[in-house]
């Protein structure tokens, strides 16, 4: 007597047409999200991280003392633009990113709280805008801005 009961179809036993990539129900071909690849340049990720970090209260500036000094000289050259990514380094992989920031904190702000807010803001902006999983945000507090100190960028020798 032949066995007439049907066994459930398992992943290993699926017909070939059921194991292909996701199908677009309207067109019958591959779905749009599976067509091609998107890559994100490190400079794009650096701009996103820098902008998110600058929006946090208590962040005075980005970059170490030397980077700010060199950037200040570079910005004084005719036709030069201010660097939006000074003090920011991002390593971008296929699915993940790691961020390193050098920051200057305003005097009076709790550094650990500012760092926590910066991490939260950077992770949120990076993951929302790029879809990358941010595995770490390393923050180096390079300086603290004291009240009454003039910014190197605004200092004038003569009036």
N, C-alpha and C. Protein backbone atom coordinates (compact mmCIF):
# COMPACT_ATOMS: atom_id res chain seq x y z
N UNK A 1 0.84 -1.16 0.00
CA UNK A 1 0.00 0.00 0.00
C UNK A 1 0.89 1.24 0.00
N UNK A 2 0.61 2.23 -0.83
CA UNK A 2 1.42 3.44 -0.97
C UNK A 2 1.04 4.44 0.09
N UNK A 3 2.00 5.21 0.54
CA UNK A 3 1.76 6.24 1.54
C UNK A 3 1.17 7.44 0.83
N UNK A 4 -0.04 7.81 1.18
CA UNK A 4 -0.73 8.91 0.51
C UNK A 4 -0.73 10.19 1.33
N UNK A 5 -0.16 10.16 2.50
CA UNK A 5 -0.13 11.39 3.31
C UNK A 5 0.96 12.30 2.77
N UNK A 6 0.65 13.59 2.74
CA UNK A 6 1.65 14.54 2.22
C UNK A 6 2.47 15.10 3.38
N UNK A 7 3.74 15.20 3.15
CA UNK A 7 4.63 15.76 4.15
C UNK A 7 4.73 17.26 3.93
N UNK A 8 4.92 18.04 5.00
CA UNK A 8 5.05 19.50 4.82
C UNK A 8 6.31 19.82 4.03
N UNK A 9 6.23 20.88 3.26
CA UNK A 9 7.37 21.31 2.47
C UNK A 9 8.35 22.03 3.40
N UNK A 10 9.55 21.54 3.48
CA UNK A 10 10.57 22.18 4.30
C UNK A 10 11.46 23.04 3.43
N UNK A 11 12.29 23.87 4.06
CA UNK A 11 13.17 24.77 3.32
C UNK A 11 14.08 23.98 2.37
N UNK A 12 14.56 22.84 2.80
CA UNK A 12 15.46 22.04 1.97
C UNK A 12 14.72 21.41 0.79
N UNK A 13 13.41 21.21 0.93
CA UNK A 13 12.65 20.54 -0.12
C UNK A 13 11.85 21.51 -0.98
N UNK A 14 11.99 22.81 -0.79
CA UNK A 14 11.22 23.77 -1.58
C UNK A 14 11.61 23.69 -3.05
N UNK A 15 10.63 23.86 -3.90
CA UNK A 15 10.96 23.92 -5.33
C UNK A 15 11.86 25.12 -5.62
N UNK A 16 12.65 25.03 -6.68
CA UNK A 16 13.63 26.06 -7.00
C UNK A 16 13.01 27.44 -7.14
N UNK A 17 11.82 27.54 -7.70
CA UNK A 17 11.23 28.85 -7.92
C UNK A 17 10.85 29.54 -6.60
N UNK A 18 10.73 28.83 -5.51
CA UNK A 18 10.38 29.42 -4.23
C UNK A 18 11.60 29.88 -3.44
N UNK A 19 12.80 29.51 -3.84
CA UNK A 19 13.99 29.86 -3.08
C UNK A 19 14.74 31.04 -3.69
N UNK A 20 14.22 31.69 -4.70
CA UNK A 20 14.88 32.85 -5.30
C UNK A 20 14.69 34.07 -4.41
N UNK A 21 15.30 35.20 -4.81
CA UNK A 21 15.19 36.43 -4.04
C UNK A 21 13.75 36.90 -3.99
N UNK A 22 13.52 37.89 -3.13
CA UNK A 22 12.16 38.40 -2.98
C UNK A 22 11.63 38.86 -4.33
N UNK A 23 10.38 38.57 -4.57
CA UNK A 23 9.76 38.92 -5.83
C UNK A 23 8.92 40.18 -5.67
N UNK A 24 8.93 41.02 -6.68
CA UNK A 24 8.08 42.19 -6.72
C UNK A 24 6.71 41.73 -7.21
N UNK A 25 5.67 41.82 -6.38
CA UNK A 25 4.36 41.30 -6.77
C UNK A 25 3.77 41.99 -8.00
N UNK A 26 4.13 43.25 -8.26
CA UNK A 26 3.56 43.98 -9.39
C UNK A 26 4.22 43.59 -10.71
N UNK A 27 5.53 43.31 -10.67
CA UNK A 27 6.25 43.05 -11.91
C UNK A 27 6.70 41.61 -12.05
N UNK A 28 6.71 40.87 -10.99
CA UNK A 28 7.13 39.48 -11.05
C UNK A 28 8.62 39.27 -11.00
N UNK A 29 9.43 40.33 -11.02
CA UNK A 29 10.89 40.22 -10.96
C UNK A 29 11.37 40.47 -9.54
N UNK A 30 12.66 40.65 -9.38
CA UNK A 30 13.21 40.92 -8.04
C UNK A 30 12.66 42.24 -7.49
N UNK A 31 12.50 42.31 -6.18
CA UNK A 31 11.99 43.54 -5.56
C UNK A 31 13.02 44.65 -5.70
N UNK A 32 12.59 45.92 -5.71
CA UNK A 32 13.52 47.03 -5.92
C UNK A 32 14.65 47.09 -4.89
N UNK A 33 14.38 46.75 -3.64
CA UNK A 33 15.41 46.84 -2.61
C UNK A 33 16.52 45.80 -2.77
N UNK A 34 16.31 44.79 -3.59
CA UNK A 34 17.35 43.78 -3.80
C UNK A 34 18.12 44.01 -5.10
N UNK A 35 17.88 45.12 -5.78
CA UNK A 35 18.56 45.41 -7.04
C UNK A 35 19.69 46.40 -6.80
N UNK A 36 20.88 45.94 -6.74
CA UNK A 36 22.02 46.83 -6.62
C UNK A 36 22.52 46.97 -5.19
N UNK A 37 23.52 47.83 -5.03
CA UNK A 37 24.19 47.99 -3.76
C UNK A 37 24.38 49.48 -3.49
N UNK A 38 24.28 49.89 -2.25
CA UNK A 38 24.51 51.28 -1.85
C UNK A 38 25.76 51.34 -1.00
N UNK A 39 26.67 52.24 -1.35
CA UNK A 39 27.86 52.45 -0.53
C UNK A 39 27.83 53.90 -0.04
N UNK A 40 28.34 54.10 1.16
CA UNK A 40 28.35 55.43 1.77
C UNK A 40 29.81 55.81 2.01
N UNK A 41 30.22 56.94 1.46
CA UNK A 41 31.59 57.41 1.60
C UNK A 41 31.86 57.83 3.05
N UNK A 42 33.10 57.67 3.47
CA UNK A 42 33.47 58.06 4.83
C UNK A 42 33.25 59.54 5.07
N UNK A 43 33.47 60.38 4.05
CA UNK A 43 33.26 61.82 4.22
C UNK A 43 31.80 62.14 4.49
N UNK A 44 30.89 61.39 3.89
CA UNK A 44 29.46 61.59 4.14
C UNK A 44 29.15 61.25 5.60
N UNK A 45 29.65 60.12 6.06
CA UNK A 45 29.42 59.70 7.44
C UNK A 45 30.06 60.68 8.42
N UNK A 46 31.24 61.22 8.07
CA UNK A 46 31.90 62.20 8.93
C UNK A 46 31.08 63.47 9.06
N UNK A 47 30.49 63.93 7.97
CA UNK A 47 29.65 65.14 8.02
C UNK A 47 28.42 64.92 8.88
N UNK A 48 27.81 63.75 8.77
CA UNK A 48 26.64 63.44 9.59
C UNK A 48 27.02 63.43 11.06
N UNK A 49 28.12 62.76 11.40
CA UNK A 49 28.56 62.67 12.80
C UNK A 49 28.93 64.04 13.34
N UNK A 50 29.64 64.85 12.55
CA UNK A 50 30.05 66.18 12.99
C UNK A 50 28.84 67.08 13.25
N UNK A 51 27.88 67.05 12.36
CA UNK A 51 26.69 67.88 12.52
C UNK A 51 25.90 67.46 13.76
N UNK A 52 25.74 66.17 13.96
CA UNK A 52 25.01 65.68 15.14
C UNK A 52 25.73 66.06 16.42
N UNK A 53 27.06 65.96 16.44
CA UNK A 53 27.83 66.29 17.64
C UNK A 53 27.74 67.78 17.95
N UNK A 54 27.82 68.63 16.93
CA UNK A 54 27.77 70.08 17.15
C UNK A 54 26.43 70.55 17.69
N UNK A 55 25.37 69.80 17.45
CA UNK A 55 24.04 70.19 17.92
C UNK A 55 23.83 69.94 19.41
N UNK A 56 24.74 69.23 20.05
CA UNK A 56 24.60 68.90 21.47
C UNK A 56 25.03 70.10 22.31
N UNK A 57 24.18 70.54 23.25
CA UNK A 57 24.57 71.64 24.15
C UNK A 57 25.81 71.25 24.95
N UNK A 58 26.76 72.19 25.04
CA UNK A 58 27.99 71.93 25.76
C UNK A 58 29.16 71.65 24.84
N UNK A 59 28.90 71.37 23.57
CA UNK A 59 29.98 71.18 22.61
C UNK A 59 30.33 72.55 22.05
N UNK A 60 31.56 72.96 22.30
CA UNK A 60 32.03 74.27 21.83
C UNK A 60 32.58 74.16 20.41
N UNK A 61 33.36 73.11 20.17
CA UNK A 61 34.01 72.94 18.88
C UNK A 61 34.44 71.49 18.73
N UNK A 62 34.87 71.14 17.53
CA UNK A 62 35.42 69.81 17.26
C UNK A 62 36.87 69.95 16.84
N UNK A 63 37.68 68.98 17.20
CA UNK A 63 39.08 68.95 16.80
C UNK A 63 40.00 69.21 17.97
N UNK A 64 41.21 68.67 17.86
CA UNK A 64 42.22 68.91 18.88
C UNK A 64 42.83 70.30 18.65
N UNK A 65 43.66 70.73 19.55
CA UNK A 65 44.28 72.05 19.42
C UNK A 65 45.04 72.23 18.12
N UNK A 66 45.84 71.23 17.75
CA UNK A 66 46.63 71.31 16.52
C UNK A 66 45.72 71.33 15.29
N UNK A 67 44.71 70.49 15.28
CA UNK A 67 43.80 70.45 14.13
C UNK A 67 43.05 71.77 13.98
N UNK A 68 42.67 72.37 15.09
CA UNK A 68 41.97 73.67 15.03
C UNK A 68 42.91 74.76 14.55
N UNK A 69 44.18 74.73 14.99
CA UNK A 69 45.15 75.74 14.56
C UNK A 69 45.42 75.64 13.07
N UNK A 70 45.65 74.43 12.59
CA UNK A 70 45.90 74.24 11.15
C UNK A 70 44.65 74.61 10.36
N UNK A 71 43.49 74.21 10.85
CA UNK A 71 42.24 74.55 10.18
C UNK A 71 42.00 76.04 10.13
N UNK A 72 42.38 76.75 11.20
CA UNK A 72 42.23 78.20 11.22
C UNK A 72 43.09 78.88 10.18
N UNK A 73 44.32 78.41 10.02
CA UNK A 73 45.22 78.95 9.00
C UNK A 73 44.67 78.64 7.61
N UNK A 74 44.23 77.41 7.41
CA UNK A 74 43.70 77.00 6.10
C UNK A 74 42.46 77.81 5.74
N UNK A 75 41.60 78.11 6.72
CA UNK A 75 40.36 78.84 6.43
C UNK A 75 40.62 80.30 6.08
N UNK A 76 41.77 80.84 6.49
CA UNK A 76 42.09 82.24 6.18
C UNK A 76 42.58 82.42 4.75
N UNK A 77 42.90 81.33 4.08
CA UNK A 77 43.35 81.41 2.70
C UNK A 77 42.18 81.80 1.80
N UNK A 78 42.45 82.63 0.79
CA UNK A 78 41.36 83.04 -0.10
C UNK A 78 40.70 81.84 -0.78
N UNK A 79 39.39 81.83 -0.76
CA UNK A 79 38.63 80.79 -1.42
C UNK A 79 38.47 79.51 -0.61
N UNK A 80 39.08 79.46 0.57
CA UNK A 80 38.98 78.24 1.39
C UNK A 80 37.67 78.23 2.16
N UNK A 81 37.17 77.04 2.42
CA UNK A 81 35.95 76.88 3.19
C UNK A 81 36.27 76.25 4.54
N UNK A 82 35.42 76.53 5.51
CA UNK A 82 35.60 75.94 6.84
C UNK A 82 35.41 74.43 6.75
N UNK A 83 36.23 73.70 7.49
CA UNK A 83 36.13 72.24 7.49
C UNK A 83 35.00 71.82 8.44
N UNK A 84 34.04 71.11 7.89
CA UNK A 84 32.94 70.65 8.72
C UNK A 84 33.27 69.35 9.44
N UNK A 85 34.34 68.68 9.01
CA UNK A 85 34.65 67.37 9.59
C UNK A 85 35.93 67.37 10.42
N UNK A 86 36.44 68.54 10.76
CA UNK A 86 37.65 68.60 11.59
C UNK A 86 37.37 67.94 12.93
N UNK A 87 38.25 67.05 13.36
CA UNK A 87 38.08 66.35 14.63
C UNK A 87 37.19 65.13 14.56
N UNK A 88 36.80 64.73 13.35
CA UNK A 88 35.91 63.58 13.18
C UNK A 88 36.56 62.57 12.25
N UNK A 89 36.54 61.32 12.66
CA UNK A 89 37.02 60.24 11.83
C UNK A 89 36.01 59.10 11.90
N UNK A 90 35.58 58.62 10.74
CA UNK A 90 34.61 57.53 10.68
C UNK A 90 35.16 56.43 9.81
N UNK A 91 35.11 55.22 10.31
CA UNK A 91 35.47 54.04 9.54
C UNK A 91 34.17 53.35 9.12
N UNK A 92 33.96 53.22 7.82
CA UNK A 92 32.71 52.67 7.29
C UNK A 92 32.97 51.31 6.67
N UNK A 93 32.18 50.33 7.11
CA UNK A 93 32.22 49.00 6.50
C UNK A 93 30.97 48.78 5.68
N UNK A 94 30.69 47.54 5.35
CA UNK A 94 29.48 47.24 4.57
C UNK A 94 28.21 47.44 5.37
N UNK A 95 28.24 47.08 6.66
CA UNK A 95 27.05 47.17 7.49
C UNK A 95 27.27 47.94 8.78
N UNK A 96 28.51 48.29 9.08
CA UNK A 96 28.82 48.92 10.36
C UNK A 96 29.71 50.14 10.17
N UNK A 97 29.70 50.98 11.22
CA UNK A 97 30.56 52.16 11.24
C UNK A 97 31.09 52.37 12.65
N UNK A 98 32.30 52.93 12.74
CA UNK A 98 32.91 53.30 14.02
C UNK A 98 33.31 54.76 13.91
N UNK A 99 33.02 55.53 14.96
CA UNK A 99 33.24 56.98 14.94
C UNK A 99 34.23 57.37 16.03
N UNK A 100 35.17 58.25 15.68
CA UNK A 100 36.10 58.85 16.64
C UNK A 100 35.93 60.36 16.57
N UNK A 101 35.75 60.99 17.73
CA UNK A 101 35.55 62.44 17.80
C UNK A 101 36.53 63.07 18.76
N UNK A 102 37.11 64.21 18.38
CA UNK A 102 37.86 65.07 19.28
C UNK A 102 36.99 66.29 19.52
N UNK A 103 36.66 66.57 20.78
CA UNK A 103 35.73 67.66 21.07
C UNK A 103 36.32 68.65 22.07
N UNK A 104 35.78 69.87 22.02
CA UNK A 104 36.06 70.89 23.02
C UNK A 104 34.72 71.16 23.71
N UNK A 105 34.72 71.02 25.02
CA UNK A 105 33.49 71.17 25.81
C UNK A 105 33.47 72.55 26.45
N UNK A 106 32.30 73.18 26.49
CA UNK A 106 32.13 74.46 27.18
C UNK A 106 32.29 74.27 28.68
N UNK A 107 32.95 75.21 29.33
CA UNK A 107 33.14 75.15 30.78
C UNK A 107 31.78 75.16 31.48
N UNK A 108 31.66 74.35 32.51
CA UNK A 108 30.43 74.29 33.30
C UNK A 108 29.52 73.13 32.94
N UNK A 109 29.72 72.54 31.79
CA UNK A 109 28.92 71.39 31.39
C UNK A 109 29.58 70.11 31.90
N UNK A 110 28.79 69.20 32.48
CA UNK A 110 29.37 67.92 32.93
C UNK A 110 29.86 67.10 31.73
N UNK A 111 31.14 66.84 31.67
CA UNK A 111 31.76 66.20 30.51
C UNK A 111 31.15 64.83 30.24
N UNK A 112 30.92 64.04 31.28
CA UNK A 112 30.36 62.69 31.05
C UNK A 112 28.95 62.76 30.47
N UNK A 113 28.16 63.74 30.92
CA UNK A 113 26.80 63.89 30.38
C UNK A 113 26.83 64.37 28.93
N UNK A 114 27.73 65.32 28.64
CA UNK A 114 27.87 65.81 27.27
C UNK A 114 28.30 64.66 26.36
N UNK A 115 29.26 63.85 26.82
CA UNK A 115 29.74 62.72 26.02
C UNK A 115 28.61 61.73 25.76
N UNK A 116 27.79 61.46 26.76
CA UNK A 116 26.66 60.54 26.59
C UNK A 116 25.67 61.10 25.56
N UNK A 117 25.39 62.40 25.65
CA UNK A 117 24.46 63.02 24.70
C UNK A 117 25.03 63.02 23.28
N UNK A 118 26.33 63.23 23.17
CA UNK A 118 26.97 63.21 21.85
C UNK A 118 26.87 61.80 21.25
N UNK A 119 27.18 60.79 22.06
CA UNK A 119 27.07 59.40 21.57
C UNK A 119 25.65 59.11 21.09
N UNK A 120 24.67 59.48 21.90
CA UNK A 120 23.27 59.23 21.54
C UNK A 120 22.90 59.94 20.24
N UNK A 121 23.29 61.20 20.12
CA UNK A 121 22.96 61.99 18.92
C UNK A 121 23.64 61.43 17.68
N UNK A 122 24.92 61.07 17.81
CA UNK A 122 25.67 60.57 16.65
C UNK A 122 25.13 59.21 16.21
N UNK A 123 24.92 58.31 17.16
CA UNK A 123 24.39 56.98 16.81
C UNK A 123 23.02 57.12 16.14
N UNK A 124 22.17 57.94 16.72
CA UNK A 124 20.82 58.11 16.17
C UNK A 124 20.87 58.67 14.75
N UNK A 125 21.64 59.74 14.54
CA UNK A 125 21.71 60.35 13.21
C UNK A 125 22.34 59.41 12.19
N UNK A 126 23.44 58.77 12.57
CA UNK A 126 24.13 57.87 11.63
C UNK A 126 23.25 56.69 11.24
N UNK A 127 22.62 56.05 12.22
CA UNK A 127 21.80 54.88 11.91
C UNK A 127 20.56 55.26 11.12
N UNK A 128 19.97 56.42 11.44
CA UNK A 128 18.77 56.86 10.74
C UNK A 128 19.08 57.24 9.29
N UNK A 129 20.18 57.94 9.09
CA UNK A 129 20.48 58.47 7.76
C UNK A 129 21.23 57.49 6.86
N UNK A 130 22.03 56.60 7.45
CA UNK A 130 22.83 55.70 6.61
C UNK A 130 22.37 54.26 6.65
N UNK A 131 21.66 53.88 7.70
CA UNK A 131 21.26 52.49 7.85
C UNK A 131 22.38 51.60 8.37
N UNK A 132 23.55 52.20 8.66
CA UNK A 132 24.67 51.43 9.20
C UNK A 132 24.51 51.24 10.70
N UNK A 133 25.01 50.14 11.20
CA UNK A 133 25.00 49.87 12.63
C UNK A 133 26.26 50.51 13.22
N UNK A 134 26.09 51.51 14.08
CA UNK A 134 27.23 52.19 14.69
C UNK A 134 27.67 51.36 15.89
N UNK A 135 28.87 50.77 15.78
CA UNK A 135 29.33 49.86 16.83
C UNK A 135 30.02 50.59 17.98
N UNK A 136 30.58 51.79 17.71
CA UNK A 136 31.18 52.56 18.78
C UNK A 136 31.33 54.01 18.38
N UNK A 137 31.27 54.88 19.40
CA UNK A 137 31.57 56.29 19.24
C UNK A 137 32.57 56.64 20.33
N UNK A 138 33.83 56.81 19.94
CA UNK A 138 34.90 57.15 20.88
C UNK A 138 35.05 58.66 20.92
N UNK A 139 35.06 59.21 22.13
CA UNK A 139 35.13 60.66 22.30
C UNK A 139 36.38 61.00 23.11
N UNK A 140 37.20 61.88 22.54
CA UNK A 140 38.37 62.40 23.24
C UNK A 140 38.11 63.89 23.51
N UNK A 141 38.07 64.26 24.78
CA UNK A 141 37.88 65.67 25.13
C UNK A 141 39.25 66.32 25.03
N UNK A 142 39.45 67.11 23.98
CA UNK A 142 40.75 67.69 23.69
C UNK A 142 40.99 68.99 24.46
N UNK A 143 39.91 69.67 24.86
CA UNK A 143 40.06 70.95 25.54
C UNK A 143 38.73 71.33 26.17
N UNK A 144 38.79 72.36 26.99
CA UNK A 144 37.58 72.92 27.58
C UNK A 144 37.62 74.42 27.32
N UNK A 145 36.52 75.00 26.89
CA UNK A 145 36.46 76.42 26.57
C UNK A 145 36.05 77.19 27.81
N UNK A 146 36.93 78.06 28.27
CA UNK A 146 36.66 78.87 29.46
C UNK A 146 35.98 80.17 29.07
N UNK A 147 35.08 80.67 29.93
CA UNK A 147 34.44 81.96 29.62
C UNK A 147 35.50 83.06 29.52
N UNK A 148 35.34 83.93 28.56
CA UNK A 148 36.28 85.02 28.36
C UNK A 148 37.43 84.69 27.44
N UNK A 149 37.67 83.41 27.19
CA UNK A 149 38.71 83.04 26.24
C UNK A 149 38.24 83.39 24.84
N UNK A 150 39.14 84.00 24.07
CA UNK A 150 38.78 84.29 22.69
C UNK A 150 39.05 83.05 21.84
N UNK A 151 38.17 82.78 20.89
CA UNK A 151 38.41 81.68 19.95
C UNK A 151 39.59 82.02 19.07
N UNK A 152 40.41 81.03 18.77
CA UNK A 152 41.53 81.23 17.86
C UNK A 152 41.03 81.68 16.49
N UNK A 153 39.82 81.23 16.11
CA UNK A 153 39.28 81.55 14.79
C UNK A 153 38.91 83.03 14.68
N UNK A 154 38.58 83.69 15.81
CA UNK A 154 38.10 85.06 15.77
C UNK A 154 39.16 86.06 16.26
N UNK A 155 40.34 85.61 16.60
CA UNK A 155 41.37 86.46 17.14
C UNK A 155 41.94 87.37 16.06
N UNK A 156 42.04 88.67 16.42
CA UNK A 156 42.63 89.64 15.52
C UNK A 156 43.82 90.28 16.19
N UNK A 157 44.89 90.49 15.46
CA UNK A 157 46.08 91.10 16.04
C UNK A 157 45.96 92.63 16.10
N UNK A 158 45.35 93.20 15.10
CA UNK A 158 45.21 94.66 15.08
C UNK A 158 43.77 95.02 14.77
N UNK A 159 43.42 96.21 15.19
CA UNK A 159 42.04 96.68 14.91
C UNK A 159 42.08 97.87 13.98
